Amino acid sequence: MDGPTGSNGPYVIASVGTPSHETKVKVEAGRDATWNETFTFTLQESGTTVDLEVYDKDTLNADLIGGTKIPLETVLQQGKASAWYPIGKASKSAAKYRWT
């Protein structure tokens, strides 16, 4: 988001209903940001999704890079899931992130 160098400071807000959890900001990580963080959510019903919003942290505010919804049905049935999900803003795909 921050120019041609891609030196943004991305972070993710993850939610399954409420509350939401926020990752640490990866300063100047650009497209190569990697988070190895664990959050715990209480699931209320089958068919729930994890909503992810990816932001670029700036000095004064945060810019939305994009977001996606990840269905949890496979996790609930099989105990795990691993796949690539496009992170888009409006109808554009900004990047792909791997959820494991």
PDB file of N, CA and C in Angstrom:
ATOM      1  N   MET A   1       0.801  -1.189   0.000  1.00  0.00           N
ATOM      2  CA  MET A   1       0.000   0.000   0.000  1.00  0.00           C
ATOM      3  C   MET A   1       0.850   1.262   0.000  1.00  0.00           C
ATOM      4  N   ASP A   2       2.041   1.213   0.561  1.00  0.00           N
ATOM      5  CA  ASP A   2       2.851   2.416   0.721  1.00  0.00           C
ATOM      6  C   ASP A   2       3.862   2.591  -0.399  1.00  0.00           C
ATOM      7  N   GLY A   3       3.381   2.761  -1.605  1.00  0.00           N
ATOM      8  CA  GLY A   3       4.271   3.056  -2.719  1.00  0.00           C
ATOM      9  C   GLY A   3       4.858   1.828  -3.366  1.00  0.00           C
ATOM     10  N   PRO A   4       5.774   2.048  -4.319  1.00  0.00           N
ATOM     11  CA  PRO A   4       6.315   0.961  -5.123  1.00  0.00           C
ATOM     12  C   PRO A   4       7.196  -0.014  -4.362  1.00  0.00           C
ATOM     13  N   THR A   5       7.712   0.380  -3.210  1.00  0.00           N
ATOM     14  CA  THR A   5       8.581  -0.527  -2.466  1.00  0.00           C
ATOM     15  C   THR A   5       7.801  -1.573  -1.701  1.00  0.00           C
ATOM     16  N   GLY A   6       6.493  -1.341  -1.523  1.00  0.00           N
ATOM     17  CA  GLY A   6       5.687  -2.304  -0.787  1.00  0.00           C
ATOM     18  C   GLY A   6       6.077  -2.394   0.665  1.00  0.00           C
ATOM     19  N   SER A   7       6.606  -1.321   1.224  1.00  0.00           N
ATOM     20  CA  SER A   7       7.106  -1.340   2.595  1.00  0.00           C
ATOM     21  C   SER A   7       6.007  -1.032   3.602  1.00  0.00           C
ATOM     22  N   ASN A   8       4.879  -1.708   3.447  1.00  0.00           N
ATOM     23  CA  ASN A   8       3.798  -1.460   4.382  1.00  0.00           C
ATOM     24  C   ASN A   8       4.013  -2.217   5.680  1.00  0.00           C
ATOM     25  N   GLY A   9       3.230  -1.856   6.672  1.00  0.00           N
ATOM     26  CA  GLY A   9       3.247  -2.526   7.963  1.00  0.00           C
ATOM     27  C   GLY A   9       1.919  -3.221   8.174  1.00  0.00           C
ATOM     28  N   PRO A  10       1.740  -4.404   7.582  1.00  0.00           N
ATOM     29  CA  PRO A  10       0.442  -5.062   7.651  1.00  0.00           C
ATOM     30  C   PRO A  10       0.156  -5.704   9.009  1.00  0.00           C
ATOM     31  N   TYR A  11      -1.137  -5.757   9.298  1.00  0.00           N
ATOM     32  CA  TYR A  11      -1.631  -6.525  10.432  1.00  0.00           C
ATOM     33  C   TYR A  11      -3.017  -7.037  10.077  1.00  0.00           C
ATOM     34  N   VAL A  12      -3.504  -8.021  10.826  1.00  0.00           N
ATOM     35  CA  VAL A  12      -4.770  -8.666  10.511  1.00  0.00           C
ATOM     36  C   VAL A  12      -5.693  -8.590  11.724  1.00  0.00           C
ATOM     37  N   ILE A  13      -6.964  -8.308  11.457  1.00  0.00           N
ATOM     38  CA  ILE A  13      -8.002  -8.430  12.475  1.00  0.00           C
ATOM     39  C   ILE A  13      -8.817  -9.666  12.112  1.00  0.00           C
ATOM     40  N   ALA A  14      -8.849 -10.626  13.027  1.00  0.00           N
ATOM     41  CA  ALA A  14      -9.577 -11.880  12.818  1.00  0.00           C
ATOM     42  C   ALA A  14     -10.768 -11.907  13.760  1.00  0.00           C
ATOM     43  N   SER A  15     -11.918 -12.324  13.215  1.00  0.00           N
ATOM     44  CA  SER A  15     -13.101 -12.401  14.073  1.00  0.00           C
ATOM     45  C   SER A  15     -13.993 -13.568  13.658  1.00  0.00           C
ATOM     46  N   VAL A  16     -14.627 -14.133  14.660  1.00  0.00           N
ATOM     47  CA  VAL A  16     -15.694 -15.105  14.482  1.00  0.00           C
ATOM     48  C   VAL A  16     -16.813 -14.542  15.350  1.00  0.00           C
ATOM     49  N   GLY A  17     -17.643 -13.690  14.744  1.00  0.00           N
ATOM     50  CA  GLY A  17     -18.595 -12.934  15.549  1.00  0.00           C
ATOM     51  C   GLY A  17     -17.823 -11.927  16.380  1.00  0.00           C
ATOM     52  N   THR A  18     -18.093 -11.889  17.679  1.00  0.00           N
ATOM     53  CA  THR A  18     -17.334 -11.030  18.577  1.00  0.00           C
ATOM     54  C   THR A  18     -16.796 -11.888  19.701  1.00  0.00           C
ATOM     55  N   PRO A  19     -15.684 -11.620  20.297  1.00  0.00           N
ATOM     56  CA  PRO A  19     -14.792 -10.503  20.029  1.00  0.00           C
ATOM     57  C   PRO A  19     -13.873 -10.786  18.849  1.00  0.00           C
ATOM     58  N   SER A  20     -13.123  -9.770  18.441  1.00  0.00           N
ATOM     59  CA  SER A  20     -12.121  -9.953  17.392  1.00  0.00           C
ATOM     60  C   SER A  20     -10.738  -9.931  18.029  1.00  0.00           C
ATOM     61  N   HIS A  21      -9.761 -10.426  17.271  1.00  0.00           N
ATOM     62  CA  HIS A  21      -8.377 -10.439  17.735  1.00  0.00           C
ATOM     63  C   HIS A  21      -7.509  -9.782  16.665  1.00  0.00           C
ATOM     64  N   GLU A  22      -6.464  -9.102  17.094  1.00  0.00           N
ATOM     65  CA  GLU A  22      -5.588  -8.369  16.179  1.00  0.00           C
ATOM     66  C   GLU A  22      -4.159  -8.902  16.290  1.00  0.00           C
ATOM     67  N   THR A  23      -3.546  -9.154  15.128  1.00  0.00           N
ATOM     68  CA  THR A  23      -2.158  -9.606  15.117  1.00  0.00           C
ATOM     69  C   THR A  23      -1.230  -8.432  15.383  1.00  0.00           C
ATOM     70  N   LYS A  24       0.025  -8.737  15.574  1.00  0.00           N
ATOM     71  CA  LYS A  24       1.046  -7.697  15.683  1.00  0.00           C
ATOM     72  C   LYS A  24       1.275  -7.093  14.304  1.00  0.00           C
ATOM     73  N   VAL A  25       1.706  -5.835  14.274  1.00  0.00           N
ATOM     74  CA  VAL A  25       2.051  -5.167  13.021  1.00  0.00           C
ATOM     75  C   VAL A  25       3.425  -5.667  12.589  1.00  0.00           C
ATOM     76  N   LYS A  26       3.541  -6.056  11.324  1.00  0.00           N
ATOM     77  CA  LYS A  26       4.818  -6.503  10.765  1.00  0.00           C
ATOM     78  C   LYS A  26       5.443  -5.313  10.032  1.00  0.00           C
ATOM     79  N   VAL A  27       6.257  -4.543  10.736  1.00  0.00           N
ATOM     80  CA  VAL A  27       6.823  -3.300  10.219  1.00  0.00           C
ATOM     81  C   VAL A  27       7.672  -3.574   8.979  1.00  0.00           C
ATOM     82  N   GLU A  28       7.354  -2.869   7.903  1.00  0.00           N
ATOM     83  CA  GLU A  28       8.054  -2.941   6.619  1.00  0.00           C
ATOM     84  C   GLU A  28       8.165  -4.362   6.072  1.00  0.00           C
ATOM     85  N   ALA A  29       7.174  -5.195   6.360  1.00  0.00           N
ATOM     86  CA  ALA A  29       7.196  -6.572   5.882  1.00  0.00           C
ATOM     87  C   ALA A  29       6.692  -6.692   4.455  1.00  0.00           C
ATOM     88  N   GLY A  30       5.896  -5.700   4.017  1.00  0.00           N
ATOM     89  CA  GLY A  30       5.359  -5.748   2.661  1.00  0.00           C
ATOM     90  C   GLY A  30       4.560  -6.997   2.414  1.00  0.00           C
ATOM     91  N   ARG A  31       4.698  -7.539   1.201  1.00  0.00           N
ATOM     92  CA  ARG A  31       3.936  -8.733   0.816  1.00  0.00           C
ATOM     93  C   ARG A  31       4.440 -10.007   1.472  1.00  0.00           C
ATOM     94  N   ASP A  32       5.599  -9.939   2.132  1.00  0.00           N
ATOM     95  CA  ASP A  32       6.184 -11.129   2.731  1.00  0.00           C
ATOM     96  C   ASP A  32       5.848 -11.291   4.206  1.00  0.00           C
ATOM     97  N   ALA A  33       4.838 -10.577   4.678  1.00  0.00           N
ATOM     98  CA  ALA A  33       4.470 -10.668   6.094  1.00  0.00           C
ATOM     99  C   ALA A  33       4.025 -12.080   6.452  1.00  0.00           C
ATOM    100  N   THR A  34       4.492 -12.539   7.600  1.00  0.00           N
ATOM    101  CA  THR A  34       4.112 -13.848   8.119  1.00  0.00           C
ATOM    102  C   THR A  34       3.773 -13.681   9.597  1.00  0.00           C
ATOM    103  N   TRP A  35       2.636 -14.242   9.989  1.00  0.00           N
ATOM    104  CA  TRP A  35       2.236 -14.219  11.389  1.00  0.00           C
ATOM    105  C   TRP A  35       2.198 -15.644  11.879  1.00  0.00           C
ATOM    106  N   ASN A  36       2.718 -15.849  13.051  1.00  0.00           N
ATOM    107  CA  ASN A  36       2.624 -17.153  13.689  1.00  0.00           C
ATOM    108  C   ASN A  36       1.989 -16.913  15.056  1.00  0.00           C
ATOM    109  N   GLU A  37       0.712 -16.552  15.008  1.00  0.00           N
ATOM    110  CA  GLU A  37      -0.015 -16.208  16.216  1.00  0.00           C
ATOM    111  C   GLU A  37      -1.242 -17.102  16.330  1.00  0.00           C
ATOM    112  N   THR A  38      -1.648 -17.371  17.551  1.00  0.00           N
ATOM    113  CA  THR A  38      -2.794 -18.227  17.804  1.00  0.00           C
ATOM    114  C   THR A  38      -3.856 -17.443  18.558  1.00  0.00           C
ATOM    115  N   PHE A  39      -5.100 -17.571  18.101  1.00  0.00           N
ATOM    116  CA  PHE A  39      -6.227 -16.951  18.778  1.00  0.00           C
ATOM    117  C   PHE A  39      -7.269 -18.031  19.053  1.00  0.00           C
ATOM    118  N   THR A  40      -8.020 -17.860  20.119  1.00  0.00           N
ATOM    119  CA  THR A  40      -9.067 -18.801  20.478  1.00  0.00           C
ATOM    120  C   THR A  40     -10.427 -18.131  20.314  1.00  0.00           C
ATOM    121  N   PHE A  41     -11.325 -18.823  19.620  1.00  0.00           N
ATOM    122  CA  PHE A  41     -12.686 -18.340  19.417  1.00  0.00           C
ATOM    123  C   PHE A  41     -13.659 -19.398  19.927  1.00  0.00           C
ATOM    124  N   THR A  42     -14.778 -18.967  20.424  1.00  0.00           N
ATOM    125  CA  THR A  42     -15.848 -19.875  20.814  1.00  0.00           C
ATOM    126  C   THR A  42     -16.848 -19.935  19.671  1.00  0.00           C
ATOM    127  N   LEU A  43     -17.019 -21.134  19.097  1.00  0.00           N
ATOM    128  CA  LEU A  43     -17.938 -21.298  17.976  1.00  0.00           C
ATOM    129  C   LEU A  43     -19.326 -21.622  18.485  1.00  0.00           C
ATOM    130  N   GLN A  44     -20.315 -20.937  17.940  1.00  0.00           N
ATOM    131  CA  GLN A  44     -21.689 -21.099  18.380  1.00  0.00           C
ATOM    132  C   GLN A  44     -22.486 -22.055  17.507  1.00  0.00           C
ATOM    133  N   GLU A  45     -22.137 -22.160  16.211  1.00  0.00           N
ATOM    134  CA  GLU A  45     -22.928 -22.978  15.304  1.00  0.00           C
ATOM    135  C   GLU A  45     -22.085 -23.453  14.127  1.00  0.00           C
ATOM    136  N   SER A  46     -22.545 -24.508  13.459  1.00  0.00           N
ATOM    137  CA  SER A  46     -21.879 -25.005  12.267  1.00  0.00           C
ATOM    138  C   SER A  46     -22.029 -23.997  11.130  1.00  0.00           C
ATOM    139  N   GLY A  47     -21.098 -23.982  10.213  1.00  0.00           N
ATOM    140  CA  GLY A  47     -21.170 -23.072   9.077  1.00  0.00           C
ATOM    141  C   GLY A  47     -20.593 -21.707   9.362  1.00  0.00           C
ATOM    142  N   THR A  48     -19.942 -21.531  10.476  1.00  0.00           N
ATOM    143  CA  THR A  48     -19.350 -20.265  10.864  1.00  0.00           C
ATOM    144  C   THR A  48     -18.126 -19.967  10.007  1.00  0.00           C
ATOM    145  N   THR A  49     -17.824 -18.691   9.838  1.00  0.00           N
ATOM    146  CA  THR A  49     -16.627 -18.287   9.109  1.00  0.00           C
ATOM    147  C   THR A  49     -15.699 -17.487  10.013  1.00  0.00           C
ATOM    148  N   VAL A  50     -14.416 -17.517   9.675  1.00  0.00           N
ATOM    149  CA  VAL A  50     -13.452 -16.592  10.263  1.00  0.00           C
ATOM    150  C   VAL A  50     -13.354 -15.434   9.284  1.00  0.00           C
ATOM    151  N   ASP A  51     -13.612 -14.235   9.755  1.00  0.00           N
ATOM    152  CA  ASP A  51     -13.505 -13.034   8.929  1.00  0.00           C
ATOM    153  C   ASP A  51     -12.143 -12.411   9.161  1.00  0.00           C
ATOM    154  N   LEU A  52     -11.388 -12.203   8.075  1.00  0.00           N
ATOM    155  CA  LEU A  52     -10.065 -11.600   8.161  1.00  0.00           C
ATOM    156  C   LEU A  52     -10.061 -10.278   7.419  1.00  0.00           C
ATOM    157  N   GLU A  53      -9.537  -9.250   8.062  1.00  0.00           N
ATOM    158  CA  GLU A  53      -9.326  -7.954   7.419  1.00  0.00           C
ATOM    159  C   GLU A  53      -7.858  -7.610   7.572  1.00  0.00           C
ATOM    160  N   VAL A  54      -7.192  -7.317   6.454  1.00  0.00           N
ATOM    161  CA  VAL A  54      -5.775  -6.998   6.452  1.00  0.00           C
ATOM    162  C   VAL A  54      -5.624  -5.494   6.277  1.00  0.00           C
ATOM    163  N   TYR A  55      -4.877  -4.880   7.181  1.00  0.00           N
ATOM    164  CA  TYR A  55      -4.674  -3.434   7.169  1.00  0.00           C
ATOM    165  C   TYR A  55      -3.205  -3.098   7.050  1.00  0.00           C
ATOM    166  N   ASP A  56      -2.932  -1.887   6.561  1.00  0.00           N
ATOM    167  CA  ASP A  56      -1.589  -1.313   6.519  1.00  0.00           C
ATOM    168  C   ASP A  56      -1.547  -0.224   7.582  1.00  0.00           C
ATOM    169  N   LYS A  57      -0.711  -0.407   8.592  1.00  0.00           N
ATOM    170  CA  LYS A  57      -0.599   0.553   9.681  1.00  0.00           C
ATOM    171  C   LYS A  57       0.246   1.738   9.238  1.00  0.00           C
ATOM    172  N   ASP A  58      -0.358   2.918   9.268  1.00  0.00           N
ATOM    173  CA  ASP A  58       0.354   4.157   8.977  1.00  0.00           C
ATOM    174  C   ASP A  58       0.505   4.957  10.260  1.00  0.00           C
ATOM    175  N   THR A  59       1.257   6.035  10.207  1.00  0.00           N
ATOM    176  CA  THR A  59       1.489   6.855  11.397  1.00  0.00           C
ATOM    177  C   THR A  59       0.193   7.375  11.993  1.00  0.00           C
ATOM    178  N   LEU A  60      -0.696   7.869  11.150  1.00  0.00           N
ATOM    179  CA  LEU A  60      -1.919   8.483  11.650  1.00  0.00           C
ATOM    180  C   LEU A  60      -3.148   7.587  11.595  1.00  0.00           C
ATOM    181  N   ASN A  61      -3.155   6.608  10.717  1.00  0.00           N
ATOM    182  CA  ASN A  61      -4.336   5.767  10.569  1.00  0.00           C
ATOM    183  C   ASN A  61      -3.945   4.413   9.983  1.00  0.00           C
ATOM    184  N   ALA A  62      -4.945   3.648   9.612  1.00  0.00           N
ATOM    185  CA  ALA A  62      -4.713   2.348   8.985  1.00  0.00           C
ATOM    186  C   ALA A  62      -5.521   2.280   7.698  1.00  0.00           C
ATOM    187  N   ASP A  63      -4.894   1.764   6.648  1.00  0.00           N
ATOM    188  CA  ASP A  63      -5.559   1.607   5.355  1.00  0.00           C
ATOM    189  C   ASP A  63      -5.942   0.145   5.172  1.00  0.00           C
ATOM    190  N   LEU A  64      -7.184  -0.081   4.731  1.00  0.00           N
ATOM    191  CA  LEU A  64      -7.633  -1.435   4.462  1.00  0.00           C
ATOM    192  C   LEU A  64      -6.959  -1.958   3.194  1.00  0.00           C
ATOM    193  N   ILE A  65      -6.251  -3.078   3.308  1.00  0.00           N
ATOM    194  CA  ILE A  65      -5.671  -3.740   2.145  1.00  0.00           C
ATOM    195  C   ILE A  65      -6.722  -4.647   1.523  1.00  0.00           C
ATOM    196  N   GLY A  66      -7.439  -5.367   2.350  1.00  0.00           N
ATOM    197  CA  GLY A  66      -8.487  -6.255   1.849  1.00  0.00           C
ATOM    198  C   GLY A  66      -8.922  -7.224   2.921  1.00  0.00           C
ATOM    199  N   GLY A  67      -9.790  -8.133   2.543  1.00  0.00           N
ATOM    200  CA  GLY A  67     -10.288  -9.096   3.510  1.00  0.00           C
ATOM    201  C   GLY A  67     -10.869 -10.314   2.835  1.00  0.00           C
ATOM    202  N   THR A  68     -11.188 -11.312   3.644  1.00  0.00           N
ATOM    203  CA  THR A  68     -11.792 -12.536   3.141  1.00  0.00           C
ATOM    204  C   THR A  68     -12.549 -13.221   4.268  1.00  0.00           C
ATOM    205  N   LYS A  69     -13.377 -14.156   3.905  1.00  0.00           N
ATOM    206  CA  LYS A  69     -14.098 -14.993   4.861  1.00  0.00           C
ATOM    207  C   LYS A  69     -13.661 -16.435   4.619  1.00  0.00           C
ATOM    208  N   ILE A  70     -13.304 -17.115   5.687  1.00  0.00           N
ATOM    209  CA  ILE A  70     -12.847 -18.498   5.584  1.00  0.00           C
ATOM    210  C   ILE A  70     -13.875 -19.399   6.265  1.00  0.00           C
ATOM    211  N   PRO A  71     -14.513 -20.296   5.502  1.00  0.00           N
ATOM    212  CA  PRO A  71     -15.508 -21.186   6.107  1.00  0.00           C
ATOM    213  C   PRO A  71     -14.848 -22.197   7.045  1.00  0.00           C
ATOM    214  N   LEU A  72     -15.474 -22.422   8.172  1.00  0.00           N
ATOM    215  CA  LEU A  72     -14.909 -23.332   9.170  1.00  0.00           C
ATOM    216  C   LEU A  72     -15.547 -24.716   9.166  1.00  0.00           C
ATOM    217  N   GLU A  73     -16.409 -24.991   8.212  1.00  0.00           N
ATOM    218  CA  GLU A  73     -17.102 -26.280   8.183  1.00  0.00           C
ATOM    219  C   GLU A  73     -16.120 -27.453   8.117  1.00  0.00           C
ATOM    220  N   THR A  74     -15.084 -27.347   7.290  1.00  0.00           N
ATOM    221  CA  THR A  74     -14.090 -28.415   7.182  1.00  0.00           C
ATOM    222  C   THR A  74     -13.365 -28.604   8.507  1.00  0.00           C
ATOM    223  N   VAL A  75     -13.022 -27.516   9.163  1.00  0.00           N
ATOM    224  CA  VAL A  75     -12.339 -27.607  10.455  1.00  0.00           C
ATOM    225  C   VAL A  75     -13.238 -28.310  11.471  1.00  0.00           C
ATOM    226  N   LEU A  76     -14.511 -27.942  11.472  1.00  0.00           N
ATOM    227  CA  LEU A  76     -15.439 -28.549  12.424  1.00  0.00           C
ATOM    228  C   LEU A  76     -15.641 -30.040  12.148  1.00  0.00           C
ATOM    229  N   GLN A  77     -15.599 -30.448  10.875  1.00  0.00           N
ATOM    230  CA  GLN A  77     -15.816 -31.845  10.517  1.00  0.00           C
ATOM    231  C   GLN A  77     -14.555 -32.685  10.628  1.00  0.00           C
ATOM    232  N   GLN A  78     -13.407 -32.127  10.196  1.00  0.00           N
ATOM    233  CA  GLN A  78     -12.174 -32.912  10.100  1.00  0.00           C
ATOM    234  C   GLN A  78     -11.113 -32.522  11.123  1.00  0.00           C
ATOM    235  N   GLY A  79     -11.307 -31.420  11.824  1.00  0.00           N
ATOM    236  CA  GLY A  79     -10.344 -31.007  12.833  1.00  0.00           C
ATOM    237  C   GLY A  79      -9.253 -30.090  12.322  1.00  0.00           C
ATOM    238  N   LYS A  80      -9.162 -29.875  10.990  1.00  0.00           N
ATOM    239  CA  LYS A  80      -8.161 -28.967  10.435  1.00  0.00           C
ATOM    240  C   LYS A  80      -8.532 -28.608   9.005  1.00  0.00           C
ATOM    241  N   ALA A  81      -7.877 -27.579   8.493  1.00  0.00           N
ATOM    242  CA  ALA A  81      -8.028 -27.166   7.093  1.00  0.00           C
ATOM    243  C   ALA A  81      -6.807 -26.344   6.727  1.00  0.00           C
ATOM    244  N   SER A  82      -6.414 -26.428   5.477  1.00  0.00           N
ATOM    245  CA  SER A  82      -5.266 -25.659   5.003  1.00  0.00           C
ATOM    246  C   SER A  82      -5.510 -25.301   3.544  1.00  0.00           C
ATOM    247  N   ALA A  83      -5.509 -24.006   3.226  1.00  0.00           N
ATOM    248  CA  ALA A  83      -5.801 -23.574   1.862  1.00  0.00           C
ATOM    249  C   ALA A  83      -5.329 -22.134   1.658  1.00  0.00           C
ATOM    250  N   TRP A  84      -5.263 -21.713   0.387  1.00  0.00           N
ATOM    251  CA  TRP A  84      -4.960 -20.331   0.029  1.00  0.00           C
ATOM    252  C   TRP A  84      -6.269 -19.588  -0.158  1.00  0.00           C
ATOM    253  N   TYR A  85      -6.342 -18.358   0.354  1.00  0.00           N
ATOM    254  CA  TYR A  85      -7.536 -17.533   0.235  1.00  0.00           C
ATOM    255  C   TYR A  85      -7.153 -16.167  -0.307  1.00  0.00           C
ATOM    256  N   PRO A  86      -7.839 -15.700  -1.346  1.00  0.00           N
ATOM    257  CA  PRO A  86      -7.536 -14.370  -1.890  1.00  0.00           C
ATOM    258  C   PRO A  86      -7.981 -13.284  -0.923  1.00  0.00           C
ATOM    259  N   ILE A  87      -7.144 -12.296  -0.749  1.00  0.00           N
ATOM    260  CA  ILE A  87      -7.461 -11.126   0.069  1.00  0.00           C
ATOM    261  C   ILE A  87      -7.751 -10.001  -0.903  1.00  0.00           C
ATOM    262  N   GLY A  88      -9.000  -9.566  -0.955  1.00  0.00           N
ATOM    263  CA  GLY A  88      -9.372  -8.549  -1.923  1.00  0.00           C
ATOM    264  C   GLY A  88     -10.020  -7.355  -1.273  1.00  0.00           C
ATOM    265  N   LYS A  89      -9.999  -6.249  -1.994  1.00  0.00           N
ATOM    266  CA  LYS A  89     -10.668  -5.025  -1.573  1.00  0.00           C
ATOM    267  C   LYS A  89     -11.696  -4.739  -2.646  1.00  0.00           C
ATOM    268  N   ALA A  90     -12.963  -4.712  -2.258  1.00  0.00           N
ATOM    269  CA  ALA A  90     -14.068  -4.602  -3.209  1.00  0.00           C
ATOM    270  C   ALA A  90     -14.015  -5.831  -4.102  1.00  0.00           C
ATOM    271  N   SER A  91     -13.903  -5.662  -5.421  1.00  0.00           N
ATOM    272  CA  SER A  91     -13.883  -6.822  -6.311  1.00  0.00           C
ATOM    273  C   SER A  91     -12.477  -7.173  -6.781  1.00  0.00           C
ATOM    274  N   LYS A  92     -11.458  -6.465  -6.278  1.00  0.00           N
ATOM    275  CA  LYS A  92     -10.078  -6.724  -6.703  1.00  0.00           C
ATOM    276  C   LYS A  92      -9.385  -7.658  -5.716  1.00  0.00           C
ATOM    277  N   SER A  93      -8.565  -8.534  -6.237  1.00  0.00           N
ATOM    278  CA  SER A  93      -7.764  -9.409  -5.401  1.00  0.00           C
ATOM    279  C   SER A  93      -6.423  -8.753  -5.169  1.00  0.00           C
ATOM    280  N   ALA A  94      -6.087  -8.461  -3.913  1.00  0.00           N
ATOM    281  CA  ALA A  94      -4.840  -7.776  -3.581  1.00  0.00           C
ATOM    282  C   ALA A  94      -3.686  -8.751  -3.395  1.00  0.00           C
ATOM    283  N   ALA A  95      -3.974  -9.890  -2.807  1.00  0.00           N
ATOM    284  CA  ALA A  95      -2.926 -10.865  -2.517  1.00  0.00           C
ATOM    285  C   ALA A  95      -3.597 -12.167  -2.129  1.00  0.00           C
ATOM    286  N   LYS A  96      -2.796 -13.193  -1.935  1.00  0.00           N
ATOM    287  CA  LYS A  96      -3.328 -14.450  -1.421  1.00  0.00           C
ATOM    288  C   LYS A  96      -2.567 -14.797  -0.158  1.00  0.00           C
ATOM    289  N   TYR A  97      -3.312 -15.239   0.840  1.00  0.00           N
ATOM    290  CA  TYR A  97      -2.722 -15.622   2.106  1.00  0.00           C
ATOM    291  C   TYR A  97      -3.065 -17.058   2.390  1.00  0.00           C
ATOM    292  N   ARG A  98      -2.129 -17.760   2.992  1.00  0.00           N
ATOM    293  CA  ARG A  98      -2.347 -19.163   3.329  1.00  0.00           C
ATOM    294  C   ARG A  98      -2.852 -19.264   4.751  1.00  0.00           C
ATOM    295  N   TRP A  99      -3.933 -19.960   4.907  1.00  0.00           N
ATOM    296  CA  TRP A  99      -4.526 -20.218   6.222  1.00  0.00           C
ATOM    297  C   TRP A  99      -4.260 -21.658   6.572  1.00  0.00           C
ATOM    298  N   THR A 100      -3.607 -21.895   7.702  1.00  0.00           N
ATOM    299  CA  THR A 100      -3.382 -23.276   8.150  1.00  0.00           C
ATOM    300  C   THR A 100      -3.742 -23.405   9.599  1.00  0.00           C
TER     301      THR A 100
END
